[in-house]
PDB file of N, CA and C in Angstrom:
ATOM      1  N   UNK A   1       8.023  16.726  13.872  1.00  0.00           N
ATOM      2  CA  UNK A   1       7.392  15.533  14.400  1.00  0.00           C
ATOM      3  C   UNK A   1       6.614  15.907  15.654  1.00  0.00           C
ATOM      4  N   UNK A   2       5.394  15.485  15.712  1.00  0.00           N
ATOM      5  CA  UNK A   2       4.570  15.734  16.891  1.00  0.00           C
ATOM      6  C   UNK A   2       4.751  14.581  17.883  1.00  0.00           C
ATOM      7  N   UNK A   3       4.985  14.912  19.120  1.00  0.00           N
ATOM      8  CA  UNK A   3       5.165  13.906  20.165  1.00  0.00           C
ATOM      9  C   UNK A   3       3.811  13.547  20.770  1.00  0.00           C
ATOM     10  N   UNK A   4       3.603  12.249  20.978  1.00  0.00           N
ATOM     11  CA  UNK A   4       2.399  11.739  21.621  1.00  0.00           C
ATOM     12  C   UNK A   4       2.856  11.051  22.910  1.00  0.00           C
ATOM     13  N   UNK A   5       2.518  11.653  24.040  1.00  0.00           N
ATOM     14  CA  UNK A   5       2.972  11.142  25.330  1.00  0.00           C
ATOM     15  C   UNK A   5       1.974  10.132  25.877  1.00  0.00           C
ATOM     16  N   UNK A   6       2.461   8.958  26.246  1.00  0.00           N
ATOM     17  CA  UNK A   6       1.645   7.902  26.840  1.00  0.00           C
ATOM     18  C   UNK A   6       2.223   7.589  28.217  1.00  0.00           C
ATOM     19  N   UNK A   7       1.736   8.321  29.208  1.00  0.00           N
ATOM     20  CA  UNK A   7       2.273   8.166  30.572  1.00  0.00           C
ATOM     21  C   UNK A   7       2.121   6.751  31.110  1.00  0.00           C
ATOM     22  N   UNK A   8       0.967   6.131  30.845  1.00  0.00           N
ATOM     23  CA  UNK A   8       0.729   4.778  31.353  1.00  0.00           C
ATOM     24  C   UNK A   8       1.719   3.767  30.783  1.00  0.00           C
ATOM     25  N   UNK A   9       2.192   4.023  29.578  1.00  0.00           N
ATOM     26  CA  UNK A   9       3.137   3.124  28.923  1.00  0.00           C
ATOM     27  C   UNK A   9       4.586   3.541  29.154  1.00  0.00           C
ATOM     28  N   UNK A  10       4.785   4.696  29.777  1.00  0.00           N
ATOM     29  CA  UNK A  10       6.130   5.258  29.955  1.00  0.00           C
ATOM     30  C   UNK A  10       6.820   5.345  28.591  1.00  0.00           C
ATOM     31  N   UNK A  11       6.093   5.963  27.630  1.00  0.00           N
ATOM     32  CA  UNK A  11       6.603   6.022  26.260  1.00  0.00           C
ATOM     33  C   UNK A  11       6.186   7.325  25.583  1.00  0.00           C
ATOM     34  N   UNK A  12       6.964   7.691  24.580  1.00  0.00           N
ATOM     35  CA  UNK A  12       6.656   8.831  23.728  1.00  0.00           C
ATOM     36  C   UNK A  12       6.641   8.292  22.298  1.00  0.00           C
ATOM     37  N   UNK A  13       5.553   8.572  21.597  1.00  0.00           N
ATOM     38  CA  UNK A  13       5.388   8.075  20.229  1.00  0.00           C
ATOM     39  C   UNK A  13       5.471   9.206  19.222  1.00  0.00           C
ATOM     40  N   UNK A  14       5.971   8.850  18.034  1.00  0.00           N
ATOM     41  CA  UNK A  14       6.022   9.763  16.901  1.00  0.00           C
ATOM     42  C   UNK A  14       5.588   9.005  15.657  1.00  0.00           C
ATOM     43  N   UNK A  15       4.945   9.701  14.744  1.00  0.00           N
ATOM     44  CA  UNK A  15       4.717   9.142  13.419  1.00  0.00           C
ATOM     45  C   UNK A  15       5.912   9.555  12.564  1.00  0.00           C
ATOM     46  N   UNK A  16       6.434   8.624  11.805  1.00  0.00           N
ATOM     47  CA  UNK A  16       7.566   8.896  10.927  1.00  0.00           C
ATOM     48  C   UNK A  16       7.330   8.194   9.604  1.00  0.00           C
ATOM     49  N   UNK A  17       8.191   8.405   8.661  1.00  0.00           N
ATOM     50  CA  UNK A  17       8.012   7.840   7.333  1.00  0.00           C
ATOM     51  C   UNK A  17       9.098   6.811   7.043  1.00  0.00           C
ATOM     52  N   UNK A  18       8.715   5.702   6.454  1.00  0.00           N
ATOM     53  CA  UNK A  18       9.681   4.641   6.137  1.00  0.00           C
ATOM     54  C   UNK A  18      10.789   5.152   5.231  1.00  0.00           C
ATOM     55  N   UNK A  19      10.477   6.119   4.377  1.00  0.00           N
ATOM     56  CA  UNK A  19      11.479   6.644   3.455  1.00  0.00           C
ATOM     57  C   UNK A  19      12.498   7.553   4.141  1.00  0.00           C
ATOM     58  N   UNK A  20      12.248   7.913   5.408  1.00  0.00           N
ATOM     59  CA  UNK A  20      13.212   8.745   6.134  1.00  0.00           C
ATOM     60  C   UNK A  20      14.379   7.917   6.669  1.00  0.00           C
ATOM     61  N   UNK A  21      14.258   6.596   6.599  1.00  0.00           N
ATOM     62  CA  UNK A  21      15.306   5.664   7.024  1.00  0.00           C
ATOM     63  C   UNK A  21      15.559   5.680   8.532  1.00  0.00           C
ATOM     64  N   UNK A  22      14.604   6.198   9.310  1.00  0.00           N
ATOM     65  CA  UNK A  22      14.767   6.178  10.771  1.00  0.00           C
ATOM     66  C   UNK A  22      14.876   4.751  11.284  1.00  0.00           C
ATOM     67  N   UNK A  23      14.113   3.830  10.677  1.00  0.00           N
ATOM     68  CA  UNK A  23      14.164   2.447  11.141  1.00  0.00           C
ATOM     69  C   UNK A  23      15.564   1.865  10.998  1.00  0.00           C
ATOM     70  N   UNK A  24      16.256   2.187   9.906  1.00  0.00           N
ATOM     71  CA  UNK A  24      17.627   1.701   9.710  1.00  0.00           C
ATOM     72  C   UNK A  24      18.582   2.333  10.716  1.00  0.00           C
ATOM     73  N   UNK A  25      18.432   3.636  10.959  1.00  0.00           N
ATOM     74  CA  UNK A  25      19.291   4.328  11.914  1.00  0.00           C
ATOM     75  C   UNK A  25      19.090   3.774  13.320  1.00  0.00           C
ATOM     76  N   UNK A  26      17.847   3.559  13.691  1.00  0.00           N
ATOM     77  CA  UNK A  26      17.541   3.068  15.034  1.00  0.00           C
ATOM     78  C   UNK A  26      17.954   1.616  15.202  1.00  0.00           C
ATOM     79  N   UNK A  27      17.878   0.848  14.134  1.00  0.00           N
ATOM     80  CA  UNK A  27      18.346  -0.535  14.209  1.00  0.00           C
ATOM     81  C   UNK A  27      19.847  -0.577  14.498  1.00  0.00           C
ATOM     82  N   UNK A  28      20.602   0.349  13.900  1.00  0.00           N
ATOM     83  CA  UNK A  28      22.052   0.419  14.147  1.00  0.00           C
ATOM     84  C   UNK A  28      22.360   0.915  15.555  1.00  0.00           C
ATOM     85  N   UNK A  29      21.587   1.900  16.016  1.00  0.00           N
ATOM     86  CA  UNK A  29      21.819   2.466  17.344  1.00  0.00           C
ATOM     87  C   UNK A  29      20.491   2.995  17.898  1.00  0.00           C
ATOM     88  N   UNK A  30      19.873   2.258  18.817  1.00  0.00           N
ATOM     89  CA  UNK A  30      18.559   2.650  19.325  1.00  0.00           C
ATOM     90  C   UNK A  30      18.580   3.775  20.367  1.00  0.00           C
ATOM     91  N   UNK A  31      19.752   4.251  20.744  1.00  0.00           N
ATOM     92  CA  UNK A  31      19.846   5.338  21.720  1.00  0.00           C
ATOM     93  C   UNK A  31      19.498   6.657  21.043  1.00  0.00           C
ATOM     94  N   UNK A  32      18.543   7.381  21.614  1.00  0.00           N
ATOM     95  CA  UNK A  32      18.103   8.650  21.018  1.00  0.00           C
ATOM     96  C   UNK A  32      18.065   9.745  22.072  1.00  0.00           C
ATOM     97  N   UNK A  33      18.090  10.970  21.591  1.00  0.00           N
ATOM     98  CA  UNK A  33      17.932  12.139  22.443  1.00  0.00           C
ATOM     99  C   UNK A  33      16.782  12.983  21.916  1.00  0.00           C
ATOM    100  N   UNK A  34      15.917  13.386  22.810  1.00  0.00           N
ATOM    101  CA  UNK A  34      14.791  14.244  22.450  1.00  0.00           C
ATOM    102  C   UNK A  34      14.936  15.555  23.211  1.00  0.00           C
ATOM    103  N   UNK A  35      14.519  16.627  22.577  1.00  0.00           N
ATOM    104  CA  UNK A  35      14.614  17.940  23.206  1.00  0.00           C
ATOM    105  C   UNK A  35      13.301  18.677  22.999  1.00  0.00           C
ATOM    106  N   UNK A  36      12.748  19.190  24.092  1.00  0.00           N
ATOM    107  CA  UNK A  36      11.486  19.915  24.052  1.00  0.00           C
ATOM    108  C   UNK A  36      11.709  21.301  24.640  1.00  0.00           C
ATOM    109  N   UNK A  37      11.045  22.296  24.062  1.00  0.00           N
ATOM    110  CA  UNK A  37      11.238  23.662  24.536  1.00  0.00           C
ATOM    111  C   UNK A  37       9.916  24.409  24.582  1.00  0.00           C
ATOM    112  N   UNK A  38       9.763  25.184  25.636  1.00  0.00           N
ATOM    113  CA  UNK A  38       8.705  26.192  25.740  1.00  0.00           C
ATOM    114  C   UNK A  38       9.458  27.495  25.925  1.00  0.00           C
ATOM    115  N   UNK A  39       9.892  28.053  24.804  1.00  0.00           N
ATOM    116  CA  UNK A  39      10.764  29.229  24.848  1.00  0.00           C
ATOM    117  C   UNK A  39      10.096  30.415  25.524  1.00  0.00           C
ATOM    118  N   UNK A  40       8.790  30.518  25.405  1.00  0.00           N
ATOM    119  CA  UNK A  40       8.079  31.636  26.025  1.00  0.00           C
ATOM    120  C   UNK A  40       8.214  31.640  27.534  1.00  0.00           C
ATOM    121  N   UNK A  41       8.210  30.452  28.135  1.00  0.00           N
ATOM    122  CA  UNK A  41       8.357  30.336  29.586  1.00  0.00           C
ATOM    123  C   UNK A  41       9.771  29.931  29.992  1.00  0.00           C
ATOM    124  N   UNK A  42      10.681  29.881  29.019  1.00  0.00           N
ATOM    125  CA  UNK A  42      12.065  29.511  29.295  1.00  0.00           C
ATOM    126  C   UNK A  42      12.161  28.129  29.961  1.00  0.00           C
ATOM    127  N   UNK A  43      11.358  27.165  29.473  1.00  0.00           N
ATOM    128  CA  UNK A  43      11.390  25.800  30.003  1.00  0.00           C
ATOM    129  C   UNK A  43      11.914  24.881  28.911  1.00  0.00           C
ATOM    130  N   UNK A  44      12.875  24.040  29.299  1.00  0.00           N
ATOM    131  CA  UNK A  44      13.502  23.138  28.355  1.00  0.00           C
ATOM    132  C   UNK A  44      13.678  21.773  29.006  1.00  0.00           C
ATOM    133  N   UNK A  45      13.515  20.711  28.223  1.00  0.00           N
ATOM    134  CA  UNK A  45      13.678  19.348  28.726  1.00  0.00           C
ATOM    135  C   UNK A  45      14.496  18.554  27.713  1.00  0.00           C
ATOM    136  N   UNK A  46      15.450  17.810  28.217  1.00  0.00           N
ATOM    137  CA  UNK A  46      16.249  16.904  27.404  1.00  0.00           C
ATOM    138  C   UNK A  46      15.940  15.489  27.894  1.00  0.00           C
ATOM    139  N   UNK A  47      15.593  14.603  26.972  1.00  0.00           N
ATOM    140  CA  UNK A  47      15.220  13.234  27.316  1.00  0.00           C
ATOM    141  C   UNK A  47      16.128  12.274  26.559  1.00  0.00           C
ATOM    142  N   UNK A  48      16.683  11.300  27.257  1.00  0.00           N
ATOM    143  CA  UNK A  48      17.465  10.232  26.636  1.00  0.00           C
ATOM    144  C   UNK A  48      16.670   8.948  26.756  1.00  0.00           C
ATOM    145  N   UNK A  49      16.756   8.115  25.733  1.00  0.00           N
ATOM    146  CA  UNK A  49      16.017   6.860  25.785  1.00  0.00           C
ATOM    147  C   UNK A  49      16.386   5.929  24.655  1.00  0.00           C
ATOM    148  N   UNK A  50      15.603   4.871  24.542  1.00  0.00           N
ATOM    149  CA  UNK A  50      15.793   3.873  23.489  1.00  0.00           C
ATOM    150  C   UNK A  50      14.567   3.903  22.587  1.00  0.00           C
ATOM    151  N   UNK A  51      14.807   3.776  21.297  1.00  0.00           N
ATOM    152  CA  UNK A  51      13.726   3.846  20.319  1.00  0.00           C
ATOM    153  C   UNK A  51      13.583   2.529  19.558  1.00  0.00           C
ATOM    154  N   UNK A  52      12.366   2.279  19.129  1.00  0.00           N
ATOM    155  CA  UNK A  52      12.066   1.192  18.206  1.00  0.00           C
ATOM    156  C   UNK A  52      11.097   1.744  17.168  1.00  0.00           C
ATOM    157  N   UNK A  53      11.206   1.238  15.956  1.00  0.00           N
ATOM    158  CA  UNK A  53      10.299   1.638  14.884  1.00  0.00           C
ATOM    159  C   UNK A  53       9.468   0.417  14.519  1.00  0.00           C
ATOM    160  N   UNK A  54       8.164   0.636  14.352  1.00  0.00           N
ATOM    161  CA  UNK A  54       7.285  -0.476  13.988  1.00  0.00           C
ATOM    162  C   UNK A  54       6.274  -0.038  12.937  1.00  0.00           C
ATOM    163  N   UNK A  55       5.589  -1.011  12.399  1.00  0.00           N
ATOM    164  CA  UNK A  55       4.537  -0.781  11.417  1.00  0.00           C
ATOM    165  C   UNK A  55       3.203  -1.179  12.033  1.00  0.00           C
ATOM    166  N   UNK A  56       2.979  -0.802  13.269  1.00  0.00           N
ATOM    167  CA  UNK A  56       1.751  -1.120  14.009  1.00  0.00           C
ATOM    168  C   UNK A  56       0.609  -0.266  13.469  1.00  0.00           C
ATOM    169  N   UNK A  57      -0.176  -0.823  12.557  1.00  0.00           N
ATOM    170  CA  UNK A  57      -1.223  -0.059  11.881  1.00  0.00           C
ATOM    171  C   UNK A  57      -2.301   0.425  12.845  1.00  0.00           C
ATOM    172  N   UNK A  58      -2.619  -0.354  13.870  1.00  0.00           N
ATOM    173  CA  UNK A  58      -3.623   0.081  14.850  1.00  0.00           C
ATOM    174  C   UNK A  58      -3.134   1.298  15.625  1.00  0.00           C
ATOM    175  N   UNK A  59      -1.865   1.304  16.006  1.00  0.00           N
ATOM    176  CA  UNK A  59      -1.299   2.435  16.749  1.00  0.00           C
ATOM    177  C   UNK A  59      -1.214   3.667  15.848  1.00  0.00           C
ATOM    178  N   UNK A  60      -0.894   3.466  14.578  1.00  0.00           N
ATOM    179  CA  UNK A  60      -0.851   4.588  13.640  1.00  0.00           C
ATOM    180  C   UNK A  60      -2.223   5.252  13.579  1.00  0.00           C
ATOM    181  N   UNK A  61      -3.261   4.459  13.464  1.00  0.00           N
ATOM    182  CA  UNK A  61      -4.628   5.014  13.412  1.00  0.00           C
ATOM    183  C   UNK A  61      -4.974   5.721  14.719  1.00  0.00           C
ATOM    184  N   UNK A  62      -4.536   5.156  15.835  1.00  0.00           N
ATOM    185  CA  UNK A  62      -4.794   5.765  17.145  1.00  0.00           C
ATOM    186  C   UNK A  62      -4.120   7.131  17.273  1.00  0.00           C
ATOM    187  N   UNK A  63      -2.910   7.257  16.744  1.00  0.00           N
ATOM    188  CA  UNK A  63      -2.145   8.500  16.878  1.00  0.00           C
ATOM    189  C   UNK A  63      -2.411   9.511  15.761  1.00  0.00           C
ATOM    190  N   UNK A  64      -3.135   9.103  14.742  1.00  0.00           N
ATOM    191  CA  UNK A  64      -3.402   9.994  13.612  1.00  0.00           C
ATOM    192  C   UNK A  64      -4.092  11.261  14.080  1.00  0.00           C
ATOM    193  N   UNK A  65      -3.622  12.405  13.600  1.00  0.00           N
ATOM    194  CA  UNK A  65      -4.218  13.687  13.964  1.00  0.00           C
ATOM    195  C   UNK A  65      -4.060  14.656  12.801  1.00  0.00           C
ATOM    196  N   UNK A  66      -4.708  15.781  12.903  1.00  0.00           N
ATOM    197  CA  UNK A  66      -4.668  16.784  11.836  1.00  0.00           C
ATOM    198  C   UNK A  66      -3.253  17.181  11.433  1.00  0.00           C
ATOM    199  N   UNK A  67      -2.314  17.406  12.366  1.00  0.00           N
ATOM    200  CA  UNK A  67      -0.964  17.780  11.935  1.00  0.00           C
ATOM    201  C   UNK A  67      -0.298  16.743  11.023  1.00  0.00           C
ATOM    202  N   UNK A  68      -0.654  15.487  11.158  1.00  0.00           N
ATOM    203  CA  UNK A  68      -0.050  14.440  10.324  1.00  0.00           C
ATOM    204  C   UNK A  68      -0.423  14.618   8.856  1.00  0.00           C
ATOM    205  N   UNK A  69      -1.516  15.319   8.588  1.00  0.00           N
ATOM    206  CA  UNK A  69      -1.959  15.540   7.203  1.00  0.00           C
ATOM    207  C   UNK A  69      -0.973  16.407   6.424  1.00  0.00           C
ATOM    208  N   UNK A  70      -0.058  17.050   7.097  1.00  0.00           N
ATOM    209  CA  UNK A  70       0.966  17.834   6.405  1.00  0.00           C
ATOM    210  C   UNK A  70       1.928  16.914   5.644  1.00  0.00           C
ATOM    211  N   UNK A  71       2.041  15.649   6.069  1.00  0.00           N
ATOM    212  CA  UNK A  71       2.971  14.708   5.447  1.00  0.00           C
ATOM    213  C   UNK A  71       2.273  13.575   4.705  1.00  0.00           C
ATOM    214  N   UNK A  72       1.109  13.151   5.200  1.00  0.00           N
ATOM    215  CA  UNK A  72       0.417  12.004   4.601  1.00  0.00           C
ATOM    216  C   UNK A  72      -1.053  12.344   4.390  1.00  0.00           C
ATOM    217  N   UNK A  73      -1.665  11.727   3.408  1.00  0.00           N
ATOM    218  CA  UNK A  73      -3.079  11.983   3.123  1.00  0.00           C
ATOM    219  C   UNK A  73      -4.019  11.390   4.168  1.00  0.00           C
ATOM    220  N   UNK A  74      -3.685  10.191   4.635  1.00  0.00           N
ATOM    221  CA  UNK A  74      -4.539   9.518   5.612  1.00  0.00           C
ATOM    222  C   UNK A  74      -3.730   8.451   6.351  1.00  0.00           C
ATOM    223  N   UNK A  75      -4.270   7.898   7.428  1.00  0.00           N
ATOM    224  CA  UNK A  75      -3.513   6.923   8.218  1.00  0.00           C
ATOM    225  C   UNK A  75      -3.278   5.592   7.508  1.00  0.00           C
ATOM    226  N   UNK A  76      -3.898   5.399   6.356  1.00  0.00           N
ATOM    227  CA  UNK A  76      -3.709   4.168   5.591  1.00  0.00           C
ATOM    228  C   UNK A  76      -2.443   4.198   4.738  1.00  0.00           C
ATOM    229  N   UNK A  77      -1.765   5.336   4.676  1.00  0.00           N
ATOM    230  CA  UNK A  77      -0.552   5.451   3.862  1.00  0.00           C
ATOM    231  C   UNK A  77       0.443   4.374   4.306  1.00  0.00           C
ATOM    232  N   UNK A  78       0.879   3.507   3.394  1.00  0.00           N
ATOM    233  CA  UNK A  78       1.752   2.394   3.784  1.00  0.00           C
ATOM    234  C   UNK A  78       3.160   2.809   4.209  1.00  0.00           C
ATOM    235  N   UNK A  79       3.534   4.060   3.994  1.00  0.00           N
ATOM    236  CA  UNK A  79       4.889   4.485   4.383  1.00  0.00           C
ATOM    237  C   UNK A  79       4.965   5.014   5.814  1.00  0.00           C
ATOM    238  N   UNK A  80       3.826   5.173   6.483  1.00  0.00           N
ATOM    239  CA  UNK A  80       3.838   5.672   7.866  1.00  0.00           C
ATOM    240  C   UNK A  80       4.351   4.583   8.802  1.00  0.00           C
ATOM    241  N   UNK A  81       5.210   4.983   9.717  1.00  0.00           N
ATOM    242  CA  UNK A  81       5.718   4.093  10.753  1.00  0.00           C
ATOM    243  C   UNK A  81       5.548   4.767  12.112  1.00  0.00           C
ATOM    244  N   UNK A  82       5.648   3.963  13.148  1.00  0.00           N
ATOM    245  CA  UNK A  82       5.595   4.432  14.535  1.00  0.00           C
ATOM    246  C   UNK A  82       6.999   4.363  15.112  1.00  0.00           C
ATOM    247  N   UNK A  83       7.435   5.433  15.736  1.00  0.00           N
ATOM    248  CA  UNK A  83       8.671   5.402  16.500  1.00  0.00           C
ATOM    249  C   UNK A  83       8.285   5.547  17.965  1.00  0.00           C
ATOM    250  N   UNK A  84       8.627   4.540  18.738  1.00  0.00           N
ATOM    251  CA  UNK A  84       8.333   4.551  20.176  1.00  0.00           C
ATOM    252  C   UNK A  84       9.635   4.774  20.926  1.00  0.00           C
ATOM    253  N   UNK A  85       9.651   5.791  21.772  1.00  0.00           N
ATOM    254  CA  UNK A  85      10.826   6.081  22.589  1.00  0.00           C
ATOM    255  C   UNK A  85      10.470   5.804  24.044  1.00  0.00           C
ATOM    256  N   UNK A  86      11.293   4.990  24.663  1.00  0.00           N
ATOM    257  CA  UNK A  86      11.147   4.691  26.097  1.00  0.00           C
ATOM    258  C   UNK A  86      12.244   5.472  26.824  1.00  0.00           C
ATOM    259  N   UNK A  87      11.866   6.538  27.538  1.00  0.00           N
ATOM    260  CA  UNK A  87      12.869   7.360  28.225  1.00  0.00           C
ATOM    261  C   UNK A  87      13.553   6.603  29.355  1.00  0.00           C
ATOM    262  N   UNK A  88      14.841   6.911  29.561  1.00  0.00           N
ATOM    263  CA  UNK A  88      15.544   6.371  30.718  1.00  0.00           C
ATOM    264  C   UNK A  88      16.227   7.464  31.544  1.00  0.00           C
ATOM    265  N   UNK A  89      16.190   8.713  31.018  1.00  0.00           N
ATOM    266  CA  UNK A  89      16.767   9.829  31.763  1.00  0.00           C
ATOM    267  C   UNK A  89      16.194  11.128  31.203  1.00  0.00           C
ATOM    268  N   UNK A  90      16.045  12.108  32.066  1.00  0.00           N
ATOM    269  CA  UNK A  90      15.565  13.430  31.607  1.00  0.00           C
ATOM    270  C   UNK A  90      16.164  14.511  32.494  1.00  0.00           C
ATOM    271  N   UNK A  91      16.387  15.659  31.885  1.00  0.00           N
ATOM    272  CA  UNK A  91      16.916  16.809  32.621  1.00  0.00           C
ATOM    273  C   UNK A  91      16.219  18.049  32.166  1.00  0.00           C
TER     274      UNK A  91
END
């Protein structure tokens, strides 16, 4: 999953697939942990936050990029969802 950082919104977005059942998992427990690594520079970040999954078609089109083509043909694919994570702690 490619992370899309929106500093102004204090949010991190991901494109996900409805068939992955992330929306059901997040509905049961919206607390998530994200981990980012730059192993070459030995830099690591752990982020805790709350997630929501939506079917915001405008946001999907906004976040669409070449890497997403590995999973979907185009941003019109009806199975694409947005996962928005609002961080509340990082280390």
